[in-house]
Amino acid sequence: SMGWYRQAPGKQREIIARITAGGATMYADS
């Protein structure tokens, strides 16, 4: 899988989305 996270100032790192080798995707609800 490959994915993206982000970290805003003063906040914890949070997941944005993830994608598998086959192209299936998962997104954080927000």
Full PDB file with SEQRES, HELIX, SHEET, SSBOND, CRYST1, ORIGX, SCALE, CONECT and MASTER records, all heavy atoms in Angstrom:
SEQRES   1 A   30  SER MET GLY TRP TYR ARG GLN ALA PRO GLY LYS GLN ARG          
SEQRES   2 A   30  GLU ILE ILE ALA ARG ILE THR ALA GLY GLY ALA THR MET          
SEQRES   3 A   30  TYR ALA ASP SER                                              
SHEET    1 AA1 3 MET A   2  ARG A   6  0                                        
SHEET    2 AA1 3 GLU A  14  ILE A  19 -1                                        
SHEET    3 AA1 3 THR A  25  TYR A  27 -1                                        
CRYST1    1.000    1.000    1.000  90.00  90.00  90.00 P 1           1          
ORIGX1      1.000000  0.000000  0.000000        0.00000                         
ORIGX2      0.000000  1.000000  0.000000        0.00000                         
ORIGX3      0.000000  0.000000  1.000000        0.00000                         
SCALE1      1.000000  0.000000  0.000000        0.00000                         
SCALE2      0.000000  1.000000  0.000000        0.00000                         
SCALE3      0.000000  0.000000  1.000000        0.00000                         
ATOM      1  N   SER A   1       0.826  -1.203   0.000  1.00  0.00           N  
ATOM      2  CA  SER A   1       0.000   0.000   0.000  1.00  0.00           C  
ATOM      3  C   SER A   1       0.865   1.260   0.000  1.00  0.00           C  
ATOM      4  O   SER A   1       2.039   1.239   0.371  1.00  0.00           O  
ATOM      5  CB  SER A   1      -0.906   0.018   1.223  1.00  0.00           C  
ATOM      6  OG  SER A   1      -1.848  -1.011   1.169  1.00  0.00           O  
ATOM      7  N   MET A   2       0.246   2.341  -0.434  1.00  0.00           N  
ATOM      8  CA  MET A   2       0.856   3.672  -0.375  1.00  0.00           C  
ATOM      9  C   MET A   2      -0.176   4.596   0.248  1.00  0.00           C  
ATOM     10  O   MET A   2      -1.392   4.357   0.121  1.00  0.00           O  
ATOM     11  CB  MET A   2       1.245   4.163  -1.776  1.00  0.00           C  
ATOM     12  CG  MET A   2       2.106   3.178  -2.541  1.00  0.00           C  
ATOM     13  SD  MET A   2       2.504   3.722  -4.222  1.00  0.00           S  
ATOM     14  CE  MET A   2       3.904   4.795  -3.908  1.00  0.00           C  
ATOM     15  N   GLY A   3       0.290   5.635   0.908  1.00  0.00           N  
ATOM     16  CA  GLY A   3      -0.684   6.490   1.579  1.00  0.00           C  
ATOM     17  C   GLY A   3      -0.171   7.879   1.869  1.00  0.00           C  
ATOM     18  O   GLY A   3       0.991   8.210   1.601  1.00  0.00           O  
ATOM     19  N   TRP A   4      -1.073   8.666   2.417  1.00  0.00           N  
ATOM     20  CA  TRP A   4      -0.762  10.047   2.804  1.00  0.00           C  
ATOM     21  C   TRP A   4      -1.265  10.296   4.223  1.00  0.00           C  
ATOM     22  O   TRP A   4      -2.373   9.882   4.576  1.00  0.00           O  
ATOM     23  CB  TRP A   4      -1.423  11.047   1.868  1.00  0.00           C  
ATOM     24  CG  TRP A   4      -0.835  11.093   0.497  1.00  0.00           C  
ATOM     25  CD1 TRP A   4      -1.257  10.392  -0.599  1.00  0.00           C  
ATOM     26  CD2 TRP A   4       0.297  11.865   0.072  1.00  0.00           C  
ATOM     27  NE1 TRP A   4      -0.463  10.680  -1.679  1.00  0.00           N  
ATOM     28  CE2 TRP A   4       0.497  11.590  -1.291  1.00  0.00           C  
ATOM     29  CE3 TRP A   4       1.150  12.769   0.704  1.00  0.00           C  
ATOM     30  CZ2 TRP A   4       1.517  12.184  -2.034  1.00  0.00           C  
ATOM     31  CZ3 TRP A   4       2.163  13.354  -0.026  1.00  0.00           C  
ATOM     32  CH2 TRP A   4       2.348  13.062  -1.373  1.00  0.00           C  
ATOM     33  N   TYR A   5      -0.441  10.988   4.991  1.00  0.00           N  
ATOM     34  CA  TYR A   5      -0.789  11.486   6.311  1.00  0.00           C  
ATOM     35  C   TYR A   5      -0.546  12.989   6.315  1.00  0.00           C  
ATOM     36  O   TYR A   5       0.104  13.517   5.420  1.00  0.00           O  
ATOM     37  CB  TYR A   5       0.105  10.849   7.391  1.00  0.00           C  
ATOM     38  CG  TYR A   5      -0.262   9.450   7.797  1.00  0.00           C  
ATOM     39  CD1 TYR A   5      -0.078   8.376   6.929  1.00  0.00           C  
ATOM     40  CD2 TYR A   5      -0.764   9.184   9.077  1.00  0.00           C  
ATOM     41  CE1 TYR A   5      -0.399   7.090   7.315  1.00  0.00           C  
ATOM     42  CE2 TYR A   5      -1.081   7.893   9.472  1.00  0.00           C  
ATOM     43  CZ  TYR A   5      -0.893   6.858   8.584  1.00  0.00           C  
ATOM     44  OH  TYR A   5      -1.210   5.576   8.968  1.00  0.00           O  
ATOM     45  N   ARG A   6      -1.040  13.639   7.346  1.00  0.00           N  
ATOM     46  CA  ARG A   6      -0.711  15.040   7.534  1.00  0.00           C  
ATOM     47  C   ARG A   6      -0.607  15.358   9.025  1.00  0.00           C  
ATOM     48  O   ARG A   6      -1.176  14.660   9.856  1.00  0.00           O  
ATOM     49  CB  ARG A   6      -1.742  15.959   6.877  1.00  0.00           C  
ATOM     50  CG  ARG A   6      -3.093  16.009   7.577  1.00  0.00           C  
ATOM     51  CD  ARG A   6      -4.048  16.910   6.809  1.00  0.00           C  
ATOM     52  NE  ARG A   6      -5.321  17.070   7.522  1.00  0.00           N  
ATOM     53  CZ  ARG A   6      -6.357  17.731   7.026  1.00  0.00           C  
ATOM     54  NH1 ARG A   6      -6.282  18.301   5.818  1.00  0.00           N  
ATOM     55  NH2 ARG A   6      -7.468  17.833   7.724  1.00  0.00           N  
ATOM     56  N   GLN A   7       0.136  16.421   9.312  1.00  0.00           N  
ATOM     57  CA  GLN A   7       0.278  16.860  10.694  1.00  0.00           C  
ATOM     58  C   GLN A   7       0.210  18.367  10.732  1.00  0.00           C  
ATOM     59  O   GLN A   7       1.078  19.052  10.168  1.00  0.00           O  
ATOM     60  CB  GLN A   7       1.593  16.369  11.298  1.00  0.00           C  
ATOM     61  CG  GLN A   7       1.719  16.661  12.773  1.00  0.00           C  
ATOM     62  CD  GLN A   7       2.846  15.888  13.424  1.00  0.00           C  
ATOM     63  OE1 GLN A   7       3.757  15.402  12.761  1.00  0.00           O  
ATOM     64  NE2 GLN A   7       2.791  15.754  14.740  1.00  0.00           N  
ATOM     65  N   ALA A   8      -0.832  18.858  11.378  1.00  0.00           N  
ATOM     66  CA  ALA A   8      -1.007  20.297  11.554  1.00  0.00           C  
ATOM     67  C   ALA A   8      -0.271  20.741  12.814  1.00  0.00           C  
ATOM     68  O   ALA A   8      -0.025  19.930  13.712  1.00  0.00           O  
ATOM     69  CB  ALA A   8      -2.490  20.618  11.657  1.00  0.00           C  
ATOM     70  N   PRO A   9       0.066  22.023  12.899  1.00  0.00           N  
ATOM     71  CA  PRO A   9       0.772  22.524  14.081  1.00  0.00           C  
ATOM     72  C   PRO A   9       0.024  22.213  15.365  1.00  0.00           C  
ATOM     73  O   PRO A   9      -1.183  22.486  15.470  1.00  0.00           O  
ATOM     74  CB  PRO A   9       0.846  24.030  13.831  1.00  0.00           C  
ATOM     75  CG  PRO A   9       0.772  24.169  12.359  1.00  0.00           C  
ATOM     76  CD  PRO A   9      -0.138  23.074  11.886  1.00  0.00           C  
ATOM     77  N   GLY A  10       0.714  21.627  16.318  1.00  0.00           N  
ATOM     78  CA  GLY A  10       0.118  21.333  17.607  1.00  0.00           C  
ATOM     79  C   GLY A  10      -0.812  20.144  17.628  1.00  0.00           C  
ATOM     80  O   GLY A  10      -1.465  19.877  18.647  1.00  0.00           O  
ATOM     81  N   LYS A  11      -0.899  19.421  16.515  1.00  0.00           N  
ATOM     82  CA  LYS A  11      -1.812  18.277  16.446  1.00  0.00           C  
ATOM     83  C   LYS A  11      -1.042  17.000  16.110  1.00  0.00           C  
ATOM     84  O   LYS A  11       0.093  17.039  15.637  1.00  0.00           O  
ATOM     85  CB  LYS A  11      -2.897  18.524  15.398  1.00  0.00           C  
ATOM     86  CG  LYS A  11      -3.833  19.662  15.743  1.00  0.00           C  
ATOM     87  CD  LYS A  11      -4.988  19.726  14.765  1.00  0.00           C  
ATOM     88  CE  LYS A  11      -5.976  20.821  15.142  1.00  0.00           C  
ATOM     89  NZ  LYS A  11      -7.131  20.880  14.201  1.00  0.00           N  
ATOM     90  N   GLN A  12      -1.701  15.871  16.344  1.00  0.00           N  
ATOM     91  CA  GLN A  12      -1.095  14.592  16.007  1.00  0.00           C  
ATOM     92  C   GLN A  12      -1.174  14.330  14.508  1.00  0.00           C  
ATOM     93  O   GLN A  12      -2.055  14.855  13.817  1.00  0.00           O  
ATOM     94  CB  GLN A  12      -1.811  13.468  16.770  1.00  0.00           C  
ATOM     95  CG  GLN A  12      -1.530  13.466  18.264  1.00  0.00           C  
ATOM     96  CD  GLN A  12      -2.087  12.241  18.952  1.00  0.00           C  
ATOM     97  OE1 GLN A  12      -3.103  11.686  18.546  1.00  0.00           O  
ATOM     98  NE2 GLN A  12      -1.408  11.785  19.992  1.00  0.00           N  
ATOM     99  N   ARG A  13      -0.262  13.490  14.047  1.00  0.00           N  
ATOM    100  CA  ARG A  13      -0.304  13.092  12.655  1.00  0.00           C  
ATOM    101  C   ARG A  13      -1.553  12.258  12.407  1.00  0.00           C  
ATOM    102  O   ARG A  13      -1.900  11.384  13.214  1.00  0.00           O  
ATOM    103  CB  ARG A  13       0.958  12.297  12.299  1.00  0.00           C  
ATOM    104  CG  ARG A  13       1.147  12.045  10.830  1.00  0.00           C  
ATOM    105  CD  ARG A  13       2.502  11.400  10.555  1.00  0.00           C  
ATOM    106  NE  ARG A  13       3.608  12.301  10.920  1.00  0.00           N  
ATOM    107  CZ  ARG A  13       4.880  12.040  10.612  1.00  0.00           C  
ATOM    108  NH1 ARG A  13       5.206  10.947   9.950  1.00  0.00           N  
ATOM    109  NH2 ARG A  13       5.818  12.882  10.976  1.00  0.00           N  
ATOM    110  N   GLU A  14      -2.244  12.514  11.310  1.00  0.00           N  
ATOM    111  CA  GLU A  14      -3.472  11.794  11.016  1.00  0.00           C  
ATOM    112  C   GLU A  14      -3.443  11.256   9.591  1.00  0.00           C  
ATOM    113  O   GLU A  14      -2.876  11.872   8.688  1.00  0.00           O  
ATOM    114  CB  GLU A  14      -4.699  12.713  11.188  1.00  0.00           C  
ATOM    115  CG  GLU A  14      -4.721  13.915  10.289  1.00  0.00           C  
ATOM    116  CD  GLU A  14      -5.974  14.763  10.453  1.00  0.00           C  
ATOM    117  OE1 GLU A  14      -6.965  14.296  11.056  1.00  0.00           O  
ATOM    118  OE2 GLU A  14      -5.970  15.906   9.947  1.00  0.00           O  
ATOM    119  N   ILE A  15      -4.080  10.124   9.408  1.00  0.00           N  
ATOM    120  CA  ILE A  15      -4.126   9.531   8.081  1.00  0.00           C  
ATOM    121  C   ILE A  15      -5.131  10.264   7.220  1.00  0.00           C  
ATOM    122  O   ILE A  15      -6.172  10.726   7.704  1.00  0.00           O  
ATOM    123  CB  ILE A  15      -4.462   8.028   8.148  1.00  0.00           C  
ATOM    124  CG1 ILE A  15      -4.283   7.386   6.770  1.00  0.00           C  
ATOM    125  CG2 ILE A  15      -5.864   7.810   8.711  1.00  0.00           C  
ATOM    126  CD1 ILE A  15      -4.281   5.875   6.783  1.00  0.00           C  
ATOM    127  N   ILE A  16      -4.786  10.394   5.945  1.00  0.00           N  
ATOM    128  CA  ILE A  16      -5.702  10.974   4.968  1.00  0.00           C  
ATOM    129  C   ILE A  16      -6.316   9.862   4.131  1.00  0.00           C  
ATOM    130  O   ILE A  16      -7.541   9.721   4.057  1.00  0.00           O  
ATOM    131  CB  ILE A  16      -4.986  11.963   4.043  1.00  0.00           C  
ATOM    132  CG1 ILE A  16      -4.380  13.106   4.840  1.00  0.00           C  
ATOM    133  CG2 ILE A  16      -5.937  12.473   2.972  1.00  0.00           C  
ATOM    134  CD1 ILE A  16      -3.471  14.009   4.042  1.00  0.00           C  
ATOM    135  N   ALA A  17      -5.451   9.081   3.509  1.00  0.00           N  
ATOM    136  CA  ALA A  17      -5.937   8.039   2.608  1.00  0.00           C  
ATOM    137  C   ALA A  17      -4.843   7.005   2.378  1.00  0.00           C  
ATOM    138  O   ALA A  17      -3.662   7.261   2.622  1.00  0.00           O  
ATOM    139  CB  ALA A  17      -6.364   8.639   1.268  1.00  0.00           C  
ATOM    140  N   ARG A  18      -5.304   5.866   1.894  1.00  0.00           N  
ATOM    141  CA  ARG A  18      -4.403   4.745   1.618  1.00  0.00           C  
ATOM    142  C   ARG A  18      -4.904   4.057   0.362  1.00  0.00           C  
ATOM    143  O   ARG A  18      -6.122   3.989   0.124  1.00  0.00           O  
ATOM    144  CB  ARG A  18      -4.421   3.791   2.802  1.00  0.00           C  
ATOM    145  CG  ARG A  18      -3.505   2.604   2.716  1.00  0.00           C  
ATOM    146  CD  ARG A  18      -3.429   1.910   4.064  1.00  0.00           C  
ATOM    147  NE  ARG A  18      -2.590   0.715   4.045  1.00  0.00           N  
ATOM    148  CZ  ARG A  18      -2.008   0.192   5.108  1.00  0.00           C  
ATOM    149  NH1 ARG A  18      -2.200   0.736   6.292  1.00  0.00           N  
ATOM    150  NH2 ARG A  18      -1.254  -0.885   5.008  1.00  0.00           N  
ATOM    151  N   ILE A  19      -3.962   3.532  -0.441  1.00  0.00           N  
ATOM    152  CA  ILE A  19      -4.340   2.840  -1.670  1.00  0.00           C  
ATOM    153  C   ILE A  19      -3.497   1.582  -1.797  1.00  0.00           C  
ATOM    154  O   ILE A  19      -2.284   1.607  -1.589  1.00  0.00           O  
ATOM    155  CB  ILE A  19      -4.184   3.766  -2.898  1.00  0.00           C  
ATOM    156  CG1 ILE A  19      -4.659   3.075  -4.172  1.00  0.00           C  
ATOM    157  CG2 ILE A  19      -2.750   4.269  -3.043  1.00  0.00           C  
ATOM    158  CD1 ILE A  19      -4.805   4.035  -5.358  1.00  0.00           C  
ATOM    159  N   THR A  20      -4.157   0.472  -2.120  1.00  0.00           N  
ATOM    160  CA  THR A  20      -3.453  -0.797  -2.251  1.00  0.00           C  
ATOM    161  C   THR A  20      -2.819  -0.915  -3.632  1.00  0.00           C  
ATOM    162  O   THR A  20      -3.069  -0.103  -4.532  1.00  0.00           O  
ATOM    163  CB  THR A  20      -4.411  -1.972  -2.049  1.00  0.00           C  
ATOM    164  OG1 THR A  20      -5.325  -2.020  -3.162  1.00  0.00           O  
ATOM    165  CG2 THR A  20      -5.197  -1.840  -0.755  1.00  0.00           C  
ATOM    166  N   ALA A  21      -2.018  -1.957  -3.809  1.00  0.00           N  
ATOM    167  CA  ALA A  21      -1.385  -2.187  -5.100  1.00  0.00           C  
ATOM    168  C   ALA A  21      -2.429  -2.414  -6.187  1.00  0.00           C  
ATOM    169  O   ALA A  21      -2.197  -2.080  -7.358  1.00  0.00           O  
ATOM    170  CB  ALA A  21      -0.443  -3.380  -5.007  1.00  0.00           C  
ATOM    171  N   GLY A  22      -3.556  -2.940  -5.804  1.00  0.00           N  
ATOM    172  CA  GLY A  22      -4.607  -3.195  -6.772  1.00  0.00           C  
ATOM    173  C   GLY A  22      -5.517  -2.014  -7.025  1.00  0.00           C  
ATOM    174  O   GLY A  22      -6.410  -2.079  -7.865  1.00  0.00           O  
ATOM    175  N   GLY A  23      -5.294  -0.927  -6.287  1.00  0.00           N  
ATOM    176  CA  GLY A  23      -6.067   0.281  -6.514  1.00  0.00           C  
ATOM    177  C   GLY A  23      -7.225   0.508  -5.563  1.00  0.00           C  
ATOM    178  O   GLY A  23      -7.949   1.499  -5.689  1.00  0.00           O  
ATOM    179  N   ALA A  24      -7.425  -0.380  -4.606  1.00  0.00           N  
ATOM    180  CA  ALA A  24      -8.477  -0.155  -3.622  1.00  0.00           C  
ATOM    181  C   ALA A  24      -8.078   0.990  -2.702  1.00  0.00           C  
ATOM    182  O   ALA A  24      -6.921   1.083  -2.288  1.00  0.00           O  
ATOM    183  CB  ALA A  24      -8.719  -1.414  -2.815  1.00  0.00           C  
ATOM    184  N   THR A  25      -9.037   1.847  -2.411  1.00  0.00           N  
ATOM    185  CA  THR A  25      -8.733   3.045  -1.624  1.00  0.00           C  
ATOM    186  C   THR A  25      -9.492   3.062  -0.310  1.00  0.00           C  
ATOM    187  O   THR A  25     -10.569   2.482  -0.180  1.00  0.00           O  
ATOM    188  CB  THR A  25      -9.080   4.320  -2.406  1.00  0.00           C  
ATOM    189  OG1 THR A  25     -10.467   4.284  -2.773  1.00  0.00           O  
ATOM    190  CG2 THR A  25      -8.233   4.441  -3.659  1.00  0.00           C  
ATOM    191  N   MET A  26      -8.913   3.746   0.645  1.00  0.00           N  
ATOM    192  CA  MET A  26      -9.529   3.967   1.948  1.00  0.00           C  
ATOM    193  C   MET A  26      -9.263   5.408   2.326  1.00  0.00           C  
ATOM    194  O   MET A  26      -8.136   5.889   2.191  1.00  0.00           O  
ATOM    195  CB  MET A  26      -8.922   3.036   3.000  1.00  0.00           C  
ATOM    196  CG  MET A  26      -9.471   3.201   4.414  1.00  0.00           C  
ATOM    197  SD  MET A  26      -8.826   4.636   5.343  1.00  0.00           S  
ATOM    198  CE  MET A  26      -7.128   4.148   5.562  1.00  0.00           C  
ATOM    199  N   TYR A  27     -10.284   6.100   2.799  1.00  0.00           N  
ATOM    200  CA  TYR A  27     -10.150   7.480   3.230  1.00  0.00           C  
ATOM    201  C   TYR A  27     -10.599   7.625   4.679  1.00  0.00           C  
ATOM    202  O   TYR A  27     -11.573   6.996   5.100  1.00  0.00           O  
ATOM    203  CB  TYR A  27     -11.003   8.410   2.365  1.00  0.00           C  
ATOM    204  CG  TYR A  27     -10.567   8.495   0.922  1.00  0.00           C  
ATOM    205  CD1 TYR A  27     -11.071   7.609  -0.030  1.00  0.00           C  
ATOM    206  CD2 TYR A  27      -9.659   9.465   0.509  1.00  0.00           C  
ATOM    207  CE1 TYR A  27     -10.673   7.680  -1.353  1.00  0.00           C  
ATOM    208  CE2 TYR A  27      -9.257   9.551  -0.821  1.00  0.00           C  
ATOM    209  CZ  TYR A  27      -9.765   8.655  -1.738  1.00  0.00           C  
ATOM    210  OH  TYR A  27      -9.368   8.734  -3.050  1.00  0.00           O  
ATOM    211  N   ALA A  28      -9.923   8.497   5.394  1.00  0.00           N  
ATOM    212  CA  ALA A  28     -10.439   8.888   6.695  1.00  0.00           C  
ATOM    213  C   ALA A  28     -11.776   9.587   6.467  1.00  0.00           C  
ATOM    214  O   ALA A  28     -11.960  10.290   5.462  1.00  0.00           O  
ATOM    215  CB  ALA A  28      -9.452   9.819   7.389  1.00  0.00           C  
ATOM    216  N   ASP A  29     -12.697   9.389   7.383  1.00  0.00           N  
ATOM    217  CA  ASP A  29     -14.043   9.933   7.193  1.00  0.00           C  
ATOM    218  C   ASP A  29     -14.025  11.433   6.925  1.00  0.00           C  
ATOM    219  O   ASP A  29     -14.774  11.939   6.079  1.00  0.00           O  
ATOM    220  CB  ASP A  29     -14.904   9.636   8.420  1.00  0.00           C  
ATOM    221  CG  ASP A  29     -15.305   8.171   8.502  1.00  0.00           C  
ATOM    222  OD1 ASP A  29     -15.227   7.475   7.469  1.00  0.00           O  
ATOM    223  OD2 ASP A  29     -15.695   7.721   9.589  1.00  0.00           O  
ATOM    224  N   SER A  30     -13.175  12.147   7.642  1.00  0.00           N  
ATOM    225  CA  SER A  30     -13.145  13.604   7.509  1.00  0.00           C  
ATOM    226  C   SER A  30     -12.522  14.065   6.202  1.00  0.00           C  
ATOM    227  O   SER A  30     -12.605  15.242   5.850  1.00  0.00           O  
ATOM    228  CB  SER A  30     -12.391  14.222   8.687  1.00  0.00           C  
ATOM    229  OG  SER A  30     -11.055  13.761   8.713  1.00  0.00           O  
TER     230      SER A  30                                                      
MASTER        0    0    0    0    3    0    0    6  229    1    0    3          
END                                                                             
